Amino acid sequence: MLFKQQALLRQKLFVLGSLAIGSLLYLVARVGSLDRLQPLCPIDGRFGPRSQDEIPLRALQFKRGLLHEFRKGNATKEQIRLHNLVQQLPKAIIIGVRKGGTRALLEMLNLHPAVVKASQEIHFFDNDENYAKGIEWYRKKMPFSYPHQITIEKSPAYFITEEVPERIYKMNSSIKLLIIVREPTTRAISDYTQVLEGKERKNKTYYKFEKLAIDPNTCEVNTKYKAVRTSIYTKHLERWLKYFPIEQFHIVDGDRLITEPLTELQLVEKFLNLPPRISQYNLYFNATRGFYCLRFNIVFNKCLAGSKGRIHPEVDTSVITKLRKFFHPFNQKFYQITGRTFNWP
C-alpha cells in the first residue's frame, strides 16, 4: 500500500515538473518572440530598413519612457553623458497662430521619433524679461534629445509680436517656421471663447463677441480688437518676410488638421526633411471627443486636453457676414504670398 502511494506521488511530481519545464520554455520563446516583434514601435518595420542616421528603437523607447526623468532634473550629469543627450536650440518653431491648432500640431509632430517637443510655451522671443536672460537660458529650457533629433517649440504669440522676427533671425537665420491657420472668423470666435471661459471660471462678466468685434460708433469691424487683428494673417506675415524668405515657412491648414490630420502631417514631414514615419496607425478617431487621438505605440495612447474643441457661442449672422467680407481681401493676399489656397468664404 505504501509502495503504491509513493509511486503515485512520484508520478504527480513528474507531471508537475514537466508542466513547469514546459511553461519555462514557453516563456523563453515568448520573450524572444516579443523582442523580435519590437512592440515598442510595431509600425517601424513597415517602412523597411532604417538608414544609419535614423534613431534606433531603443532611442525611441528612452524618449517615450525615461526621458521625463531628465526633464524633471532627476538625472545625473554622468547619465546624461552616457546617453549622449543634449539640450538643443530648436531647428523649427511653430510661431502661430493662436487658436489655430498649435498644440495639436506640436503633439502630433511628436509622434515622429526624430522630433522632440518642448512641453511648455517658452515665450522667449516675445517676452522682454525672458529675452534679456539670454540664448543660453532659452537653450536650457529645451528638452533633452539625441543630436540627430529635431527640437521643436511652439509659442503662438510669436507670430503677432513685432520684435520676434528679428530676434529669431539673430538666433538662426535658416530656421524653419511653421504657421497653422484656420478660417479667420472662426479663429477669432474661438479666441473670444477661450477668453470668455477664463472669465467665467473667475465669475467675471464679459462683453458679447458682437460688441467687441464691431465698433459701436462706426458699425464697422473693430480692428483694435486683438482677436480680429490676429486673424489678419497677411499683415503679420509681411513683417516676417522682411527677415525670412517664404521658402522657410510652411503653412498648415488647421481646419484640415482636425478632419484629415495625416495629410497635413505628411506635408510637414516633407518640409522638415524628415523620413516619413507618421502613419494612419498613429491617429485614431475618438467618437466621444469628436477628435483624432494619438497612438505612439502598442501601449501608449494620448488625447488632447478636454479644453480643445470648445463649443462656440452663437454669433449674430450679420456680424459673421461682415467679418468674412472684411477678411476676404486679406485672405486673397495671403493665398498669393504663401502659394496655398484655402476654402474660406
Foldseek 3Di string as FASTA:
>chain_A
DVVVVVVVVVVVVVVVVVVVVVVVVVVVVVVVVCVVCLQLANCVPVVPDDDPLDDDSVQLVCLVPVQVCVVVVNDDPVVCVVVQKAQDDALEEAQDAPQLCVVVLQVLLVLDSQEDEQPDAPCQQQDPVNVVVDPVSVSVSGGIHHPRHGYYYYDNVLLVRLRNLVVVCVVPLLGAYEYGHEQLVVSLLVVVVVVCVVCVVVVHDDDDPCPLQAPPVVRAGDCVRPSLVSSLNLVSVVSNCVRHPLLSYDYAHSVVCFVPVVVRSVVVCVSVVHDDDDDVVQWDADPVLSGIWGDSGDPDTGDDDSVPPDDGDDDPPVSVVSSLVVSVVSLVVVCVRNVDHDPHD
